[in-house]
Amino acid sequence: MPTARMRRVNEAIREILGDAIATELKDPRIGFVTVTEVDTSPDLRSARVYVSVLGSPEERERSLAGLRSSHGVLQGKIASAMRMKRTPTLTFEYDESAERGDRISRLLRDE
């Protein structure tokens, strides 16, 4: 369970990334992406960014590739928006929770 400070850091990074992805990235590979959660390591060296991507599995992979190639720009946004000793290295992962929830809902409806 993260501390209150880590929860605040995670939430601030999530907001910064969500805004930057929606308004500032011009990569055509990046589709409709929502940052669902950020999990920053306690030493602030790395952050796992969970994203939800609207579209097919191919569009999802293209969006993730675009995000991975834009990680330097996004880290710069975090560095300029937050006063931290070090800016975490970002890794992007697809968040399957919405898909899993939808599948469970369908299963429950069909019973």
C-alpha atoms as a PDB file:
ATOM      1  CA  MET A   1       0.000   0.000   0.000  1.00  0.00           C
ATOM      2  CA  PRO A   2       1.586   3.315  -1.074  1.00  0.00           C
ATOM      3  CA  THR A   3       2.046   6.098   1.434  1.00  0.00           C
ATOM      4  CA  ALA A   4      -0.010   9.280   1.215  1.00  0.00           C
ATOM      5  CA  ARG A   5       2.984  11.062  -0.336  1.00  0.00           C
ATOM      6  CA  MET A   6       3.381   8.379  -3.019  1.00  0.00           C
ATOM      7  CA  ARG A   7      -0.350   8.506  -3.788  1.00  0.00           C
ATOM      8  CA  ARG A   8      -0.061  12.277  -4.301  1.00  0.00           C
ATOM      9  CA  VAL A   9       3.008  11.845  -6.536  1.00  0.00           C
ATOM     10  CA  ASN A  10       1.270   9.119  -8.570  1.00  0.00           C
ATOM     11  CA  GLU A  11      -1.872  11.213  -8.994  1.00  0.00           C
ATOM     12  CA  ALA A  12       0.086  14.336  -9.984  1.00  0.00           C
ATOM     13  CA  ILE A  13       2.078  12.373 -12.587  1.00  0.00           C
ATOM     14  CA  ARG A  14      -1.141  10.777 -13.894  1.00  0.00           C
ATOM     15  CA  GLU A  15      -2.729  14.209 -14.377  1.00  0.00           C
ATOM     16  CA  ILE A  16       0.358  15.692 -16.065  1.00  0.00           C
ATOM     17  CA  LEU A  17       0.703  12.731 -18.436  1.00  0.00           C
ATOM     18  CA  GLY A  18      -3.012  12.621 -19.240  1.00  0.00           C
ATOM     19  CA  ASP A  19      -3.003  16.295 -20.155  1.00  0.00           C
ATOM     20  CA  ALA A  20       0.243  16.100 -22.154  1.00  0.00           C
ATOM     21  CA  ILE A  21      -0.880  13.024 -24.119  1.00  0.00           C
ATOM     22  CA  ALA A  22      -4.247  14.591 -24.935  1.00  0.00           C
ATOM     23  CA  THR A  23      -3.014  18.051 -25.910  1.00  0.00           C
ATOM     24  CA  GLU A  24       0.668  18.080 -26.802  1.00  0.00           C
ATOM     25  CA  LEU A  25       1.748  14.831 -28.457  1.00  0.00           C
ATOM     26  CA  LYS A  26       1.510  14.952 -32.243  1.00  0.00           C
ATOM     27  CA  ASP A  27       2.479  11.312 -32.951  1.00  0.00           C
ATOM     28  CA  PRO A  28      -0.119   9.921 -35.407  1.00  0.00           C
ATOM     29  CA  ARG A  29       0.253   6.430 -33.897  1.00  0.00           C
ATOM     30  CA  ILE A  30      -1.215   7.569 -30.597  1.00  0.00           C
ATOM     31  CA  GLY A  31      -4.979   7.144 -30.650  1.00  0.00           C
ATOM     32  CA  PHE A  32      -7.510   7.737 -27.903  1.00  0.00           C
ATOM     33  CA  VAL A  33      -5.424   7.014 -24.788  1.00  0.00           C
ATOM     34  CA  THR A  34      -6.443   7.414 -21.150  1.00  0.00           C
ATOM     35  CA  VAL A  35      -3.922   7.211 -18.322  1.00  0.00           C
ATOM     36  CA  THR A  36      -5.683   5.042 -15.750  1.00  0.00           C
ATOM     37  CA  GLU A  37      -3.003   4.664 -13.095  1.00  0.00           C
ATOM     38  CA  VAL A  38       0.622   5.469 -12.292  1.00  0.00           C
ATOM     39  CA  ASP A  39       2.725   3.347  -9.966  1.00  0.00           C
ATOM     40  CA  THR A  40       5.954   5.108  -9.015  1.00  0.00           C
ATOM     41  CA  SER A  41       8.749   3.262  -7.239  1.00  0.00           C
ATOM     42  CA  PRO A  42       9.507   4.523  -3.701  1.00  0.00           C
ATOM     43  CA  ASP A  43      12.928   5.848  -4.809  1.00  0.00           C
ATOM     44  CA  LEU A  44      11.241   7.775  -7.679  1.00  0.00           C
ATOM     45  CA  ARG A  45      13.582   6.212 -10.258  1.00  0.00           C
ATOM     46  CA  SER A  46      10.830   4.562 -12.301  1.00  0.00           C
ATOM     47  CA  ALA A  47       7.112   4.825 -12.896  1.00  0.00           C
ATOM     48  CA  ARG A  48       4.860   2.255 -14.493  1.00  0.00           C
ATOM     49  CA  VAL A  49       2.112   4.062 -16.420  1.00  0.00           C
ATOM     50  CA  TYR A  50      -1.058   2.075 -17.091  1.00  0.00           C
ATOM     51  CA  VAL A  51      -3.067   3.232 -20.085  1.00  0.00           C
ATOM     52  CA  SER A  52      -6.386   2.296 -21.612  1.00  0.00           C
ATOM     53  CA  VAL A  53      -6.543   2.507 -25.408  1.00  0.00           C
ATOM     54  CA  LEU A  54      -9.722   2.642 -27.443  1.00  0.00           C
ATOM     55  CA  GLY A  55      -9.581   0.507 -30.575  1.00  0.00           C
ATOM     56  CA  SER A  56      -8.377  -2.794 -31.965  1.00  0.00           C
ATOM     57  CA  PRO A  57      -5.360  -4.732 -30.667  1.00  0.00           C
ATOM     58  CA  GLU A  58      -3.313  -3.314 -33.579  1.00  0.00           C
ATOM     59  CA  GLU A  59      -4.302   0.261 -32.684  1.00  0.00           C
ATOM     60  CA  ARG A  60      -3.442  -0.503 -29.056  1.00  0.00           C
ATOM     61  CA  GLU A  61       0.067  -1.666 -30.026  1.00  0.00           C
ATOM     62  CA  ARG A  62       0.616   1.367 -32.272  1.00  0.00           C
ATOM     63  CA  SER A  63      -0.474   3.710 -29.468  1.00  0.00           C
ATOM     64  CA  LEU A  64       1.827   1.996 -26.961  1.00  0.00           C
ATOM     65  CA  ALA A  65       4.733   2.220 -29.431  1.00  0.00           C
ATOM     66  CA  GLY A  66       4.024   5.930 -29.908  1.00  0.00           C
ATOM     67  CA  LEU A  67       3.943   6.492 -26.153  1.00  0.00           C
ATOM     68  CA  ARG A  68       7.201   4.597 -25.661  1.00  0.00           C
ATOM     69  CA  SER A  69       8.928   6.714 -28.279  1.00  0.00           C
ATOM     70  CA  SER A  70       7.542   9.903 -26.665  1.00  0.00           C
ATOM     71  CA  HIS A  71       8.676   9.027 -23.139  1.00  0.00           C
ATOM     72  CA  GLY A  72      11.471  11.628 -23.178  1.00  0.00           C
ATOM     73  CA  VAL A  73       9.061  14.458 -23.990  1.00  0.00           C
ATOM     74  CA  LEU A  74       6.652  13.222 -21.323  1.00  0.00           C
ATOM     75  CA  GLN A  75       9.415  12.960 -18.708  1.00  0.00           C
ATOM     76  CA  GLY A  76      10.333  16.552 -19.555  1.00  0.00           C
ATOM     77  CA  LYS A  77       6.732  17.613 -18.879  1.00  0.00           C
ATOM     78  CA  ILE A  78       6.852  15.920 -15.481  1.00  0.00           C
ATOM     79  CA  ALA A  79      10.222  17.524 -14.687  1.00  0.00           C
ATOM     80  CA  SER A  80       8.988  21.018 -15.540  1.00  0.00           C
ATOM     81  CA  ALA A  81       5.655  20.636 -13.723  1.00  0.00           C
ATOM     82  CA  MET A  82       6.930  19.024 -10.518  1.00  0.00           C
ATOM     83  CA  ARG A  83       9.889  19.984  -8.378  1.00  0.00           C
ATOM     84  CA  MET A  84      11.432  16.588  -7.768  1.00  0.00           C
ATOM     85  CA  LYS A  85      15.044  15.597  -7.199  1.00  0.00           C
ATOM     86  CA  ARG A  86      14.791  13.082 -10.046  1.00  0.00           C
ATOM     87  CA  THR A  87      12.205  12.430 -12.707  1.00  0.00           C
ATOM     88  CA  PRO A  88      11.135   8.788 -12.942  1.00  0.00           C
ATOM     89  CA  THR A  89      11.805   6.741 -16.064  1.00  0.00           C
ATOM     90  CA  LEU A  90       8.439   5.933 -17.626  1.00  0.00           C
ATOM     91  CA  THR A  91       7.303   2.533 -18.837  1.00  0.00           C
ATOM     92  CA  PHE A  92       3.901   2.191 -20.481  1.00  0.00           C
ATOM     93  CA  GLU A  93       1.664  -0.831 -20.029  1.00  0.00           C
ATOM     94  CA  TYR A  94      -1.804  -1.600 -21.295  1.00  0.00           C
ATOM     95  CA  ASP A  95      -4.421  -1.640 -18.522  1.00  0.00           C
ATOM     96  CA  GLU A  96      -6.718  -4.597 -19.084  1.00  0.00           C
ATOM     97  CA  SER A  97      -9.053  -3.807 -16.166  1.00  0.00           C
ATOM     98  CA  ALA A  98     -11.787  -2.195 -18.316  1.00  0.00           C
ATOM     99  CA  GLU A  99     -11.687  -5.115 -20.747  1.00  0.00           C
ATOM    100  CA  ARG A 100     -11.782  -7.617 -17.882  1.00  0.00           C
ATOM    101  CA  GLY A 101     -14.709  -5.794 -16.245  1.00  0.00           C
ATOM    102  CA  ASP A 102     -16.641  -5.802 -19.507  1.00  0.00           C
ATOM    103  CA  ARG A 103     -16.031  -9.544 -19.944  1.00  0.00           C
ATOM    104  CA  ILE A 104     -17.226 -10.257 -16.383  1.00  0.00           C
ATOM    105  CA  SER A 105     -20.346  -8.131 -16.948  1.00  0.00           C
ATOM    106  CA  ARG A 106     -21.162 -10.094 -20.119  1.00  0.00           C
ATOM    107  CA  LEU A 107     -20.644 -13.398 -18.318  1.00  0.00           C
ATOM    108  CA  LEU A 108     -22.935 -12.357 -15.465  1.00  0.00           C
ATOM    109  CA  ARG A 109     -25.600 -11.144 -17.889  1.00  0.00           C
ATOM    110  CA  ASP A 110     -25.548 -14.396 -19.834  1.00  0.00           C
ATOM    111  CA  GLU A 111     -26.177 -16.564 -16.763  1.00  0.00           C
END
